[in-house]
Amino acid sequence: MKPESAEALARAQRHLHDAKQLAETEQLSYHAAPQSYVAALAAAHALIFELTGKFPSTHRGAKAMVHEISRQGHAISAEARSILDTGFDWKSTADY
């Protein structure tokens, strides 16, 4: 694994850990959704960088690159591809 991919994956794991901890705290549970989205985005960045050597700079770019990687024959389920959209919706809802 490329160092940049490993770093992005470690970042995803940290955000997922934080999201789980926030979800378990009633007063802070609404903060879990944005953390979950950031974890999913960081995991997508790890995959994208590992396969393309590029980091997308936007949500839209990450989503497009994940779909392109999938079209190129890499096995990424529809459910996994939809996580970026679902997570972005959760984040947007929690932010407002």
C-alpha atoms as a PDB file:
ATOM      1  CA  MET A   1       0.000   0.000   0.000  1.00  0.00           C
ATOM      2  CA  LYS A   2       1.242   3.479  -0.859  1.00  0.00           C
ATOM      3  CA  PRO A   3       2.072   5.644   2.172  1.00  0.00           C
ATOM      4  CA  GLU A   4      -0.520   8.271   1.161  1.00  0.00           C
ATOM      5  CA  SER A   5      -3.215   5.595   0.907  1.00  0.00           C
ATOM      6  CA  ALA A   6      -2.255   4.179   4.293  1.00  0.00           C
ATOM      7  CA  GLU A   7      -2.411   7.658   5.822  1.00  0.00           C
ATOM      8  CA  ALA A   8      -5.880   8.282   4.342  1.00  0.00           C
ATOM      9  CA  LEU A   9      -7.070   4.896   5.604  1.00  0.00           C
ATOM     10  CA  ALA A  10      -5.715   5.627   9.084  1.00  0.00           C
ATOM     11  CA  ARG A  11      -7.534   8.985   8.984  1.00  0.00           C
ATOM     12  CA  ALA A  12     -10.740   7.147   8.032  1.00  0.00           C
ATOM     13  CA  GLN A  13     -10.312   4.779  10.975  1.00  0.00           C
ATOM     14  CA  ARG A  14      -9.781   7.676  13.388  1.00  0.00           C
ATOM     15  CA  HIS A  15     -12.914   9.465  12.171  1.00  0.00           C
ATOM     16  CA  LEU A  16     -14.942   6.254  12.350  1.00  0.00           C
ATOM     17  CA  HIS A  17     -13.739   5.678  15.907  1.00  0.00           C
ATOM     18  CA  ASP A  18     -14.715   9.247  16.804  1.00  0.00           C
ATOM     19  CA  ALA A  19     -18.123   8.804  15.162  1.00  0.00           C
ATOM     20  CA  LYS A  20     -18.788   5.663  17.206  1.00  0.00           C
ATOM     21  CA  GLN A  21     -17.832   7.437  20.416  1.00  0.00           C
ATOM     22  CA  LEU A  22     -20.039  10.424  19.577  1.00  0.00           C
ATOM     23  CA  ALA A  23     -22.975   8.163  18.703  1.00  0.00           C
ATOM     24  CA  GLU A  24     -22.758   6.617  22.166  1.00  0.00           C
ATOM     25  CA  THR A  25     -22.978  10.035  23.855  1.00  0.00           C
ATOM     26  CA  GLU A  26     -26.566  11.297  23.851  1.00  0.00           C
ATOM     27  CA  GLN A  27     -25.678  14.983  23.984  1.00  0.00           C
ATOM     28  CA  LEU A  28     -23.219  14.655  21.074  1.00  0.00           C
ATOM     29  CA  SER A  29     -24.811  11.942  18.933  1.00  0.00           C
ATOM     30  CA  TYR A  30     -25.760  14.414  16.178  1.00  0.00           C
ATOM     31  CA  HIS A  31     -22.008  14.963  15.605  1.00  0.00           C
ATOM     32  CA  ALA A  32     -21.601  11.289  14.657  1.00  0.00           C
ATOM     33  CA  ALA A  33     -23.057  11.780  11.157  1.00  0.00           C
ATOM     34  CA  PRO A  34     -20.497  14.344   9.979  1.00  0.00           C
ATOM     35  CA  GLN A  35     -17.672  12.229  11.416  1.00  0.00           C
ATOM     36  CA  SER A  36     -19.048   9.158   9.641  1.00  0.00           C
ATOM     37  CA  TYR A  37     -19.117  11.038   6.356  1.00  0.00           C
ATOM     38  CA  VAL A  38     -15.537  12.247   6.805  1.00  0.00           C
ATOM     39  CA  ALA A  39     -14.521   8.637   7.539  1.00  0.00           C
ATOM     40  CA  ALA A  40     -16.190   7.427   4.342  1.00  0.00           C
ATOM     41  CA  LEU A  41     -14.593  10.217   2.319  1.00  0.00           C
ATOM     42  CA  ALA A  42     -11.134   9.446   3.728  1.00  0.00           C
ATOM     43  CA  ALA A  43     -11.617   5.741   2.931  1.00  0.00           C
ATOM     44  CA  ALA A  44     -12.615   6.686  -0.614  1.00  0.00           C
ATOM     45  CA  HIS A  45      -9.497   8.868  -0.853  1.00  0.00           C
ATOM     46  CA  ALA A  46      -7.370   5.885   0.207  1.00  0.00           C
ATOM     47  CA  LEU A  47      -8.887   3.675  -2.493  1.00  0.00           C
ATOM     48  CA  ILE A  48      -8.683   6.374  -5.152  1.00  0.00           C
ATOM     49  CA  PHE A  49      -5.072   7.226  -4.399  1.00  0.00           C
ATOM     50  CA  GLU A  50      -4.044   3.590  -4.279  1.00  0.00           C
ATOM     51  CA  LEU A  51      -5.511   2.943  -7.732  1.00  0.00           C
ATOM     52  CA  THR A  52      -4.917   6.268  -9.493  1.00  0.00           C
ATOM     53  CA  GLY A  53      -2.222   8.161  -7.608  1.00  0.00           C
ATOM     54  CA  LYS A  54      -4.590  11.144  -7.293  1.00  0.00           C
ATOM     55  CA  PHE A  55      -6.570  12.742  -4.464  1.00  0.00           C
ATOM     56  CA  PRO A  56      -9.843  14.397  -5.498  1.00  0.00           C
ATOM     57  CA  SER A  57     -10.331  17.820  -3.957  1.00  0.00           C
ATOM     58  CA  THR A  58     -14.136  17.759  -3.687  1.00  0.00           C
ATOM     59  CA  HIS A  59     -16.981  15.445  -2.715  1.00  0.00           C
ATOM     60  CA  ARG A  60     -18.162  15.454  -6.317  1.00  0.00           C
ATOM     61  CA  GLY A  61     -14.672  14.550  -7.523  1.00  0.00           C
ATOM     62  CA  ALA A  62     -14.383  11.666  -5.059  1.00  0.00           C
ATOM     63  CA  LYS A  63     -17.789  10.344  -6.038  1.00  0.00           C
ATOM     64  CA  ALA A  64     -16.972  10.544  -9.757  1.00  0.00           C
ATOM     65  CA  MET A  65     -13.622   8.819  -9.296  1.00  0.00           C
ATOM     66  CA  VAL A  66     -15.132   5.989  -7.222  1.00  0.00           C
ATOM     67  CA  HIS A  67     -17.723   5.416  -9.959  1.00  0.00           C
ATOM     68  CA  GLU A  68     -15.005   5.517 -12.631  1.00  0.00           C
ATOM     69  CA  ILE A  69     -12.893   2.992 -10.724  1.00  0.00           C
ATOM     70  CA  SER A  70     -15.946   0.761 -10.502  1.00  0.00           C
ATOM     71  CA  ARG A  71     -16.626   1.082 -14.242  1.00  0.00           C
ATOM     72  CA  GLN A  72     -13.029   0.057 -14.919  1.00  0.00           C
ATOM     73  CA  GLY A  73     -13.804  -3.329 -13.420  1.00  0.00           C
ATOM     74  CA  HIS A  74     -12.855  -2.966  -9.762  1.00  0.00           C
ATOM     75  CA  ALA A  75     -15.423  -4.653  -7.552  1.00  0.00           C
ATOM     76  CA  ILE A  76     -17.142  -1.854  -5.636  1.00  0.00           C
ATOM     77  CA  SER A  77     -20.722  -2.612  -4.686  1.00  0.00           C
ATOM     78  CA  ALA A  78     -23.554  -0.184  -5.365  1.00  0.00           C
ATOM     79  CA  GLU A  79     -24.063   0.044  -1.613  1.00  0.00           C
ATOM     80  CA  ALA A  80     -20.429   1.027  -1.058  1.00  0.00           C
ATOM     81  CA  ARG A  81     -20.620   3.610  -3.858  1.00  0.00           C
ATOM     82  CA  SER A  82     -23.765   5.117  -2.352  1.00  0.00           C
ATOM     83  CA  ILE A  83     -22.139   5.690   1.051  1.00  0.00           C
ATOM     84  CA  LEU A  84     -20.605   8.990  -0.095  1.00  0.00           C
ATOM     85  CA  ASP A  85     -24.020  10.366  -1.066  1.00  0.00           C
ATOM     86  CA  THR A  86     -25.754   9.060   2.045  1.00  0.00           C
ATOM     87  CA  GLY A  87     -22.968  10.316   4.274  1.00  0.00           C
ATOM     88  CA  PHE A  88     -22.980  13.723   2.604  1.00  0.00           C
ATOM     89  CA  ASP A  89     -26.740  13.965   3.187  1.00  0.00           C
ATOM     90  CA  TRP A  90     -26.301  13.023   6.858  1.00  0.00           C
ATOM     91  CA  LYS A  91     -23.506  15.561   7.231  1.00  0.00           C
ATOM     92  CA  SER A  92     -25.551  18.292   5.557  1.00  0.00           C
ATOM     93  CA  THR A  93     -28.565  17.566   7.750  1.00  0.00           C
ATOM     94  CA  ALA A  94     -26.462  17.533  10.920  1.00  0.00           C
ATOM     95  CA  ASP A  95     -24.713  20.775   9.934  1.00  0.00           C
ATOM     96  CA  TYR A  96     -28.042  22.598   9.851  1.00  0.00           C
END
